[in-house]
Amino acid sequence: MKNSAYRALADPTRRRILQLLRERDMTAGEIAEHFDLAKPTLSGHFNVLRDAGLVTSERRGRTIVYSLNVSVMEETLMALMELLGNRGGER
């Protein structure tokens, strides 16, 4: 798994964004309604998630719609579980 995915998952705001996107695709504005953060700050979180491949974005006119990239999310979670499982087995 890429370090960018670990970095993306390390932040509680980004984890919350992923939770929201599990329910449905959302516009940047819809996601922003759930946070008391400046738009540039949220934009930075979206960039980290996108760079890690955990979300995809699609421009629809002046709106950006974000979607959870389920296959990358599953790979990330499986790698994390394997890491935790291997670590626990060494004790």
PDB file of N, CA and C in Angstrom:
ATOM      1  N   MET A   1       0.849  -1.178   0.000  1.00  0.00           N
ATOM      2  CA  MET A   1       0.000   0.000   0.000  1.00  0.00           C
ATOM      3  C   MET A   1       0.887   1.231   0.000  1.00  0.00           C
ATOM      4  N   LYS A   2       0.443   2.249  -0.695  1.00  0.00           N
ATOM      5  CA  LYS A   2       1.206   3.475  -0.773  1.00  0.00           C
ATOM      6  C   LYS A   2       1.124   4.246   0.543  1.00  0.00           C
ATOM      7  N   ASN A   3       2.212   4.947   0.855  1.00  0.00           N
ATOM      8  CA  ASN A   3       2.219   5.787   2.048  1.00  0.00           C
ATOM      9  C   ASN A   3       1.170   6.881   1.980  1.00  0.00           C
ATOM     10  N   SER A   4       0.797   7.293   0.772  1.00  0.00           N
ATOM     11  CA  SER A   4      -0.207   8.346   0.637  1.00  0.00           C
ATOM     12  C   SER A   4      -1.553   7.914   1.211  1.00  0.00           C
ATOM     13  N   ALA A   5      -1.860   6.630   1.129  1.00  0.00           N
ATOM     14  CA  ALA A   5      -3.112   6.139   1.702  1.00  0.00           C
ATOM     15  C   ALA A   5      -3.058   6.196   3.223  1.00  0.00           C
ATOM     16  N   TYR A   6      -1.905   5.807   3.802  1.00  0.00           N
ATOM     17  CA  TYR A   6      -1.761   5.918   5.253  1.00  0.00           C
ATOM     18  C   TYR A   6      -1.904   7.366   5.695  1.00  0.00           C
ATOM     19  N   ARG A   7      -1.254   8.254   4.966  1.00  0.00           N
ATOM     20  CA  ARG A   7      -1.334   9.684   5.291  1.00  0.00           C
ATOM     21  C   ARG A   7      -2.781  10.169   5.217  1.00  0.00           C
ATOM     22  N   ALA A   8      -3.485   9.737   4.187  1.00  0.00           N
ATOM     23  CA  ALA A   8      -4.874  10.157   4.022  1.00  0.00           C
ATOM     24  C   ALA A   8      -5.748   9.667   5.171  1.00  0.00           C
ATOM     25  N   LEU A   9      -5.535   8.437   5.586  1.00  0.00           N
ATOM     26  CA  LEU A   9      -6.355   7.856   6.646  1.00  0.00           C
ATOM     27  C   LEU A   9      -5.968   8.337   8.041  1.00  0.00           C
ATOM     28  N   ALA A  10      -4.824   8.955   8.170  1.00  0.00           N
ATOM     29  CA  ALA A  10      -4.353   9.391   9.482  1.00  0.00           C
ATOM     30  C   ALA A  10      -5.139  10.575  10.037  1.00  0.00           C
ATOM     31  N   ASP A  11      -5.828  11.282   9.184  1.00  0.00           N
ATOM     32  CA  ASP A  11      -6.525  12.492   9.620  1.00  0.00           C
ATOM     33  C   ASP A  11      -8.011  12.227   9.841  1.00  0.00           C
ATOM     34  N   PRO A  12      -8.553  12.639  11.007  1.00  0.00           N
ATOM     35  CA  PRO A  12      -9.967  12.362  11.296  1.00  0.00           C
ATOM     36  C   PRO A  12     -10.932  13.055  10.332  1.00  0.00           C
ATOM     37  N   THR A  13     -10.584  14.225   9.840  1.00  0.00           N
ATOM     38  CA  THR A  13     -11.460  14.908   8.882  1.00  0.00           C
ATOM     39  C   THR A  13     -11.562  14.103   7.599  1.00  0.00           C
ATOM     40  N   ARG A  14     -10.445  13.594   7.120  1.00  0.00           N
ATOM     41  CA  ARG A  14     -10.467  12.796   5.895  1.00  0.00           C
ATOM     42  C   ARG A  14     -11.210  11.475   6.107  1.00  0.00           C
ATOM     43  N   ARG A  15     -11.056  10.890   7.282  1.00  0.00           N
ATOM     44  CA  ARG A  15     -11.812   9.654   7.562  1.00  0.00           C
ATOM     45  C   ARG A  15     -13.310   9.945   7.551  1.00  0.00           C
ATOM     46  N   ARG A  16     -13.709  11.085   8.077  1.00  0.00           N
ATOM     47  CA  ARG A  16     -15.132  11.462   8.089  1.00  0.00           C
ATOM     48  C   ARG A  16     -15.639  11.694   6.664  1.00  0.00           C
ATOM     49  N   ILE A  17     -14.817  12.303   5.826  1.00  0.00           N
ATOM     50  CA  ILE A  17     -15.205  12.496   4.427  1.00  0.00           C
ATOM     51  C   ILE A  17     -15.445  11.137   3.769  1.00  0.00           C
ATOM     52  N   LEU A  18     -14.570  10.187   4.022  1.00  0.00           N
ATOM     53  CA  LEU A  18     -14.748   8.846   3.458  1.00  0.00           C
ATOM     54  C   LEU A  18     -16.031   8.194   3.971  1.00  0.00           C
ATOM     55  N   GLN A  19     -16.337   8.397   5.247  1.00  0.00           N
ATOM     56  CA  GLN A  19     -17.588   7.855   5.798  1.00  0.00           C
ATOM     57  C   GLN A  19     -18.793   8.448   5.073  1.00  0.00           C
ATOM     58  N   LEU A  20     -18.766   9.743   4.836  1.00  0.00           N
ATOM     59  CA  LEU A  20     -19.871  10.391   4.122  1.00  0.00           C
ATOM     60  C   LEU A  20     -20.017   9.840   2.714  1.00  0.00           C
ATOM     61  N   LEU A  21     -18.893   9.623   2.043  1.00  0.00           N
ATOM     62  CA  LEU A  21     -18.933   9.138   0.666  1.00  0.00           C
ATOM     63  C   LEU A  21     -19.305   7.668   0.578  1.00  0.00           C
ATOM     64  N   ARG A  22     -19.224   6.942   1.678  1.00  0.00           N
ATOM     65  CA  ARG A  22     -19.711   5.555   1.690  1.00  0.00           C
ATOM     66  C   ARG A  22     -21.213   5.521   1.454  1.00  0.00           C
ATOM     67  N   GLU A  23     -21.893   6.560   1.932  1.00  0.00           N
ATOM     68  CA  GLU A  23     -23.349   6.612   1.804  1.00  0.00           C
ATOM     69  C   GLU A  23     -23.786   6.943   0.383  1.00  0.00           C
ATOM     70  N   ARG A  24     -23.073   7.910  -0.257  1.00  0.00           N
ATOM     71  CA  ARG A  24     -23.430   8.320  -1.623  1.00  0.00           C
ATOM     72  C   ARG A  24     -22.385   9.295  -2.146  1.00  0.00           C
ATOM     73  N   ASP A  25     -22.376   9.494  -3.458  1.00  0.00           N
ATOM     74  CA  ASP A  25     -21.537  10.525  -4.049  1.00  0.00           C
ATOM     75  C   ASP A  25     -22.046  11.878  -3.569  1.00  0.00           C
ATOM     76  N   MET A  26     -21.135  12.813  -3.369  1.00  0.00           N
ATOM     77  CA  MET A  26     -21.528  14.125  -2.856  1.00  0.00           C
ATOM     78  C   MET A  26     -20.724  15.215  -3.546  1.00  0.00           C
ATOM     79  N   THR A  27     -21.338  16.390  -3.649  1.00  0.00           N
ATOM     80  CA  THR A  27     -20.614  17.547  -4.152  1.00  0.00           C
ATOM     81  C   THR A  27     -19.718  18.087  -3.051  1.00  0.00           C
ATOM     82  N   ALA A  28     -18.752  18.882  -3.443  1.00  0.00           N
ATOM     83  CA  ALA A  28     -17.872  19.508  -2.455  1.00  0.00           C
ATOM     84  C   ALA A  28     -18.685  20.328  -1.462  1.00  0.00           C
ATOM     85  N   GLY A  29     -19.700  21.018  -1.946  1.00  0.00           N
ATOM     86  CA  GLY A  29     -20.551  21.820  -1.066  1.00  0.00           C
ATOM     87  C   GLY A  29     -21.324  20.985  -0.065  1.00  0.00           C
ATOM     88  N   GLU A  30     -21.835  19.843  -0.507  1.00  0.00           N
ATOM     89  CA  GLU A  30     -22.560  18.950   0.400  1.00  0.00           C
ATOM     90  C   GLU A  30     -21.640  18.424   1.493  1.00  0.00           C
ATOM     91  N   ILE A  31     -20.429  18.082   1.118  1.00  0.00           N
ATOM     92  CA  ILE A  31     -19.465  17.607   2.113  1.00  0.00           C
ATOM     93  C   ILE A  31     -19.121  18.735   3.072  1.00  0.00           C
ATOM     94  N   ALA A  32     -18.922  19.927   2.541  1.00  0.00           N
ATOM     95  CA  ALA A  32     -18.542  21.085   3.365  1.00  0.00           C
ATOM     96  C   ALA A  32     -19.580  21.391   4.438  1.00  0.00           C
ATOM     97  N   GLU A  33     -20.839  21.086   4.178  1.00  0.00           N
ATOM     98  CA  GLU A  33     -21.909  21.334   5.155  1.00  0.00           C
ATOM     99  C   GLU A  33     -21.688  20.571   6.460  1.00  0.00           C
ATOM    100  N   HIS A  34     -20.905  19.520   6.418  1.00  0.00           N
ATOM    101  CA  HIS A  34     -20.668  18.673   7.592  1.00  0.00           C
ATOM    102  C   HIS A  34     -19.467  19.129   8.426  1.00  0.00           C
ATOM    103  N   PHE A  35     -18.800  20.182   7.988  1.00  0.00           N
ATOM    104  CA  PHE A  35     -17.576  20.622   8.657  1.00  0.00           C
ATOM    105  C   PHE A  35     -17.593  22.125   8.886  1.00  0.00           C
ATOM    106  N   ASP A  36     -16.918  22.537   9.927  1.00  0.00           N
ATOM    107  CA  ASP A  36     -16.742  23.960  10.213  1.00  0.00           C
ATOM    108  C   ASP A  36     -15.304  24.331   9.831  1.00  0.00           C
ATOM    109  N   LEU A  37     -15.002  24.170   8.544  1.00  0.00           N
ATOM    110  CA  LEU A  37     -13.663  24.429   8.048  1.00  0.00           C
ATOM    111  C   LEU A  37     -13.742  25.344   6.834  1.00  0.00           C
ATOM    112  N   ALA A  38     -12.679  26.094   6.601  1.00  0.00           N
ATOM    113  CA  ALA A  38     -12.603  26.956   5.428  1.00  0.00           C
ATOM    114  C   ALA A  38     -12.538  26.105   4.163  1.00  0.00           C
ATOM    115  N   LYS A  39     -13.064  26.627   3.069  1.00  0.00           N
ATOM    116  CA  LYS A  39     -13.060  25.881   1.813  1.00  0.00           C
ATOM    117  C   LYS A  39     -11.653  25.496   1.355  1.00  0.00           C
ATOM    118  N   PRO A  40     -10.648  26.370   1.490  1.00  0.00           N
ATOM    119  CA  PRO A  40      -9.303  25.944   1.092  1.00  0.00           C
ATOM    120  C   PRO A  40      -8.772  24.773   1.938  1.00  0.00           C
ATOM    121  N   THR A  41      -9.152  24.743   3.205  1.00  0.00           N
ATOM    122  CA  THR A  41      -8.732  23.636   4.069  1.00  0.00           C
ATOM    123  C   THR A  41      -9.361  22.333   3.597  1.00  0.00           C
ATOM    124  N   LEU A  42     -10.666  22.371   3.300  1.00  0.00           N
ATOM    125  CA  LEU A  42     -11.340  21.171   2.796  1.00  0.00           C
ATOM    126  C   LEU A  42     -10.776  20.762   1.442  1.00  0.00           C
ATOM    127  N   SER A  43     -10.478  21.735   0.612  1.00  0.00           N
ATOM    128  CA  SER A  43      -9.895  21.442  -0.689  1.00  0.00           C
ATOM    129  C   SER A  43      -8.581  20.681  -0.537  1.00  0.00           C
ATOM    130  N   GLY A  44      -7.793  21.059   0.451  1.00  0.00           N
ATOM    131  CA  GLY A  44      -6.549  20.347   0.731  1.00  0.00           C
ATOM    132  C   GLY A  44      -6.808  18.910   1.132  1.00  0.00           C
ATOM    133  N   HIS A  45      -7.843  18.689   1.940  1.00  0.00           N
ATOM    134  CA  HIS A  45      -8.205  17.316   2.338  1.00  0.00           C
ATOM    135  C   HIS A  45      -8.646  16.514   1.114  1.00  0.00           C
ATOM    136  N   PHE A  46      -9.450  17.131   0.230  1.00  0.00           N
ATOM    137  CA  PHE A  46      -9.881  16.443  -0.989  1.00  0.00           C
ATOM    138  C   PHE A  46      -8.675  16.060  -1.843  1.00  0.00           C
ATOM    139  N   ASN A  47      -7.704  16.954  -1.938  1.00  0.00           N
ATOM    140  CA  ASN A  47      -6.505  16.671  -2.739  1.00  0.00           C
ATOM    141  C   ASN A  47      -5.724  15.482  -2.190  1.00  0.00           C
ATOM    142  N   VAL A  48      -5.589  15.417  -0.872  1.00  0.00           N
ATOM    143  CA  VAL A  48      -4.867  14.295  -0.256  1.00  0.00           C
ATOM    144  C   VAL A  48      -5.597  12.983  -0.542  1.00  0.00           C
ATOM    145  N   LEU A  49      -6.911  12.989  -0.399  1.00  0.00           N
ATOM    146  CA  LEU A  49      -7.702  11.783  -0.657  1.00  0.00           C
ATOM    147  C   LEU A  49      -7.625  11.370  -2.124  1.00  0.00           C
ATOM    148  N   ARG A  50      -7.675  12.362  -3.005  1.00  0.00           N
ATOM    149  CA  ARG A  50      -7.587  12.080  -4.441  1.00  0.00           C
ATOM    150  C   ARG A  50      -6.200  11.555  -4.815  1.00  0.00           C
ATOM    151  N   ASP A  51      -5.152  12.192  -4.275  1.00  0.00           N
ATOM    152  CA  ASP A  51      -3.784  11.744  -4.560  1.00  0.00           C
ATOM    153  C   ASP A  51      -3.541  10.307  -4.085  1.00  0.00           C
ATOM    154  N   ALA A  52      -4.204   9.932  -3.000  1.00  0.00           N
ATOM    155  CA  ALA A  52      -4.076   8.562  -2.478  1.00  0.00           C
ATOM    156  C   ALA A  52      -4.929   7.573  -3.268  1.00  0.00           C
ATOM    157  N   GLY A  53      -5.778   8.084  -4.142  1.00  0.00           N
ATOM    158  CA  GLY A  53      -6.640   7.217  -4.937  1.00  0.00           C
ATOM    159  C   GLY A  53      -7.885   6.759  -4.206  1.00  0.00           C
ATOM    160  N   LEU A  54      -8.123   7.296  -3.013  1.00  0.00           N
ATOM    161  CA  LEU A  54      -9.271   6.856  -2.216  1.00  0.00           C
ATOM    162  C   LEU A  54     -10.584   7.456  -2.692  1.00  0.00           C
ATOM    163  N   VAL A  55     -10.513   8.604  -3.355  1.00  0.00           N
ATOM    164  CA  VAL A  55     -11.710   9.219  -3.925  1.00  0.00           C
ATOM    165  C   VAL A  55     -11.412   9.628  -5.363  1.00  0.00           C
ATOM    166  N   THR A  56     -12.479   9.720  -6.127  1.00  0.00           N
ATOM    167  CA  THR A  56     -12.398  10.272  -7.465  1.00  0.00           C
ATOM    168  C   THR A  56     -13.252  11.521  -7.502  1.00  0.00           C
ATOM    169  N   SER A  57     -12.957  12.402  -8.433  1.00  0.00           N
ATOM    170  CA  SER A  57     -13.748  13.614  -8.568  1.00  0.00           C
ATOM    171  C   SER A  57     -14.133  13.805 -10.021  1.00  0.00           C
ATOM    172  N   GLU A  58     -15.314  14.360 -10.215  1.00  0.00           N
ATOM    173  CA  GLU A  58     -15.817  14.618 -11.554  1.00  0.00           C
ATOM    174  C   GLU A  58     -16.407  16.016 -11.576  1.00  0.00           C
ATOM    175  N   ARG A  59     -15.931  16.820 -12.501  1.00  0.00           N
ATOM    176  CA  ARG A  59     -16.467  18.177 -12.631  1.00  0.00           C
ATOM    177  C   ARG A  59     -17.743  18.110 -13.457  1.00  0.00           C
ATOM    178  N   ARG A  60     -18.783  18.686 -12.897  1.00  0.00           N
ATOM    179  CA  ARG A  60     -20.076  18.788 -13.588  1.00  0.00           C
ATOM    180  C   ARG A  60     -20.445  20.266 -13.608  1.00  0.00           C
ATOM    181  N   GLY A  61     -20.089  20.932 -14.681  1.00  0.00           N
ATOM    182  CA  GLY A  61     -20.284  22.372 -14.750  1.00  0.00           C
ATOM    183  C   GLY A  61     -19.353  23.057 -13.771  1.00  0.00           C
ATOM    184  N   ARG A  62     -19.917  23.813 -12.846  1.00  0.00           N
ATOM    185  CA  ARG A  62     -19.123  24.498 -11.829  1.00  0.00           C
ATOM    186  C   ARG A  62     -19.016  23.700 -10.540  1.00  0.00           C
ATOM    187  N   THR A  63     -19.564  22.502 -10.536  1.00  0.00           N
ATOM    188  CA  THR A  63     -19.608  21.675  -9.334  1.00  0.00           C
ATOM    189  C   THR A  63     -18.649  20.495  -9.473  1.00  0.00           C
ATOM    190  N   ILE A  64     -18.036  20.113  -8.361  1.00  0.00           N
ATOM    191  CA  ILE A  64     -17.203  18.912  -8.333  1.00  0.00           C
ATOM    192  C   ILE A  64     -17.915  17.872  -7.484  1.00  0.00           C
ATOM    193  N   VAL A  65     -18.092  16.692  -8.044  1.00  0.00           N
ATOM    194  CA  VAL A  65     -18.746  15.597  -7.340  1.00  0.00           C
ATOM    195  C   VAL A  65     -17.674  14.581  -6.964  1.00  0.00           C
ATOM    196  N   TYR A  66     -17.647  14.213  -5.690  1.00  0.00           N
ATOM    197  CA  TYR A  66     -16.670  13.253  -5.176  1.00  0.00           C
ATOM    198  C   TYR A  66     -17.333  11.907  -4.963  1.00  0.00           C
ATOM    199  N   SER A  67     -16.568  10.852  -5.266  1.00  0.00           N
ATOM    200  CA  SER A  67     -17.033   9.474  -5.092  1.00  0.00           C
ATOM    201  C   SER A  67     -15.947   8.681  -4.388  1.00  0.00           C
ATOM    202  N   LEU A  68     -16.366   7.730  -3.584  1.00  0.00           N
ATOM    203  CA  LEU A  68     -15.440   6.816  -2.933  1.00  0.00           C
ATOM    204  C   LEU A  68     -14.935   5.831  -3.974  1.00  0.00           C
ATOM    205  N   ASN A  69     -13.634   5.644  -4.049  1.00  0.00           N
ATOM    206  CA  ASN A  69     -13.039   4.649  -4.941  1.00  0.00           C
ATOM    207  C   ASN A  69     -12.986   3.345  -4.155  1.00  0.00           C
ATOM    208  N   VAL A  70     -14.020   2.551  -4.298  1.00  0.00           N
ATOM    209  CA  VAL A  70     -14.222   1.376  -3.462  1.00  0.00           C
ATOM    210  C   VAL A  70     -13.081   0.374  -3.600  1.00  0.00           C
ATOM    211  N   SER A  71     -12.602   0.138  -4.811  1.00  0.00           N
ATOM    212  CA  SER A  71     -11.553  -0.869  -4.983  1.00  0.00           C
ATOM    213  C   SER A  71     -10.264  -0.461  -4.272  1.00  0.00           C
ATOM    214  N   VAL A  72      -9.880   0.806  -4.359  1.00  0.00           N
ATOM    215  CA  VAL A  72      -8.674   1.262  -3.666  1.00  0.00           C
ATOM    216  C   VAL A  72      -8.904   1.255  -2.163  1.00  0.00           C
ATOM    217  N   MET A  73     -10.093   1.620  -1.735  1.00  0.00           N
ATOM    218  CA  MET A  73     -10.402   1.608  -0.306  1.00  0.00           C
ATOM    219  C   MET A  73     -10.310   0.180   0.239  1.00  0.00           C
ATOM    220  N   GLU A  74     -10.828  -0.776  -0.505  1.00  0.00           N
ATOM    221  CA  GLU A  74     -10.750  -2.180  -0.072  1.00  0.00           C
ATOM    222  C   GLU A  74      -9.303  -2.650   0.000  1.00  0.00           C
ATOM    223  N   GLU A  75      -8.500  -2.313  -1.010  1.00  0.00           N
ATOM    224  CA  GLU A  75      -7.080  -2.687  -1.000  1.00  0.00           C
ATOM    225  C   GLU A  75      -6.368  -2.086   0.204  1.00  0.00           C
ATOM    226  N   THR A  76      -6.672  -0.829   0.493  1.00  0.00           N
ATOM    227  CA  THR A  76      -6.049  -0.130   1.615  1.00  0.00           C
ATOM    228  C   THR A  76      -6.417  -0.801   2.931  1.00  0.00           C
ATOM    229  N   LEU A  77      -7.694  -1.104   3.088  1.00  0.00           N
ATOM    230  CA  LEU A  77      -8.138  -1.744   4.327  1.00  0.00           C
ATOM    231  C   LEU A  77      -7.562  -3.148   4.475  1.00  0.00           C
ATOM    232  N   MET A  78      -7.474  -3.886   3.380  1.00  0.00           N
ATOM    233  CA  MET A  78      -6.894  -5.233   3.446  1.00  0.00           C
ATOM    234  C   MET A  78      -5.416  -5.159   3.825  1.00  0.00           C
ATOM    235  N   ALA A  79      -4.688  -4.207   3.254  1.00  0.00           N
ATOM    236  CA  ALA A  79      -3.271  -4.056   3.592  1.00  0.00           C
ATOM    237  C   ALA A  79      -3.107  -3.669   5.052  1.00  0.00           C
ATOM    238  N   LEU A  80      -3.975  -2.812   5.538  1.00  0.00           N
ATOM    239  CA  LEU A  80      -3.920  -2.398   6.934  1.00  0.00           C
ATOM    240  C   LEU A  80      -4.241  -3.574   7.859  1.00  0.00           C
ATOM    241  N   MET A  81      -5.231  -4.355   7.506  1.00  0.00           N
ATOM    242  CA  MET A  81      -5.589  -5.519   8.316  1.00  0.00           C
ATOM    243  C   MET A  81      -4.448  -6.539   8.315  1.00  0.00           C
ATOM    244  N   GLU A  82      -3.820  -6.709   7.159  1.00  0.00           N
ATOM    245  CA  GLU A  82      -2.692  -7.642   7.083  1.00  0.00           C
ATOM    246  C   GLU A  82      -1.546  -7.149   7.958  1.00  0.00           C
ATOM    247  N   LEU A  83      -1.296  -5.876   7.908  1.00  0.00           N
ATOM    248  CA  LEU A  83      -0.241  -5.298   8.749  1.00  0.00           C
ATOM    249  C   LEU A  83      -0.532  -5.509  10.225  1.00  0.00           C
ATOM    250  N   LEU A  84      -1.756  -5.252  10.611  1.00  0.00           N
ATOM    251  CA  LEU A  84      -2.134  -5.433  12.019  1.00  0.00           C
ATOM    252  C   LEU A  84      -2.123  -6.899  12.402  1.00  0.00           C
ATOM    253  N   GLY A  85      -2.548  -7.753  11.486  1.00  0.00           N
ATOM    254  CA  GLY A  85      -2.557  -9.188  11.766  1.00  0.00           C
ATOM    255  C   GLY A  85      -1.149  -9.734  11.918  1.00  0.00           C
ATOM    256  N   ASN A  86      -0.257  -9.319  11.039  1.00  0.00           N
ATOM    257  CA  ASN A  86       1.125  -9.777  11.110  1.00  0.00           C
ATOM    258  C   ASN A  86       1.786  -9.283  12.381  1.00  0.00           C
ATOM    259  N   ARG A  87       1.521  -8.079  12.740  1.00  0.00           N
ATOM    260  CA  ARG A  87       2.128  -7.503  13.942  1.00  0.00           C
ATOM    261  C   ARG A  87       1.630  -8.238  15.180  1.00  0.00           C
ATOM    262  N   GLY A  88       0.328  -8.529  15.194  1.00  0.00           N
ATOM    263  CA  GLY A  88      -0.238  -9.220  16.354  1.00  0.00           C
ATOM    264  C   GLY A  88       0.288 -10.634  16.485  1.00  0.00           C
ATOM    265  N   GLY A  89       0.613 -11.270  15.346  1.00  0.00           N
ATOM    266  CA  GLY A  89       1.118 -12.632  15.376  1.00  0.00           C
ATOM    267  C   GLY A  89       2.530 -12.755  15.881  1.00  0.00           C
ATOM    268  N   GLU A  90       3.279 -11.639  15.888  1.00  0.00           N
ATOM    269  CA  GLU A  90       4.671 -11.671  16.321  1.00  0.00           C
ATOM    270  C   GLU A  90       4.822 -11.584  17.834  1.00  0.00           C
ATOM    271  N   ARG A  91       3.782 -11.280  18.520  1.00  0.00           N
ATOM    272  CA  ARG A  91       3.872 -11.104  19.970  1.00  0.00           C
ATOM    273  C   ARG A  91       3.960 -12.391  20.696  1.00  0.00           C
TER     274      ARG A  91
END
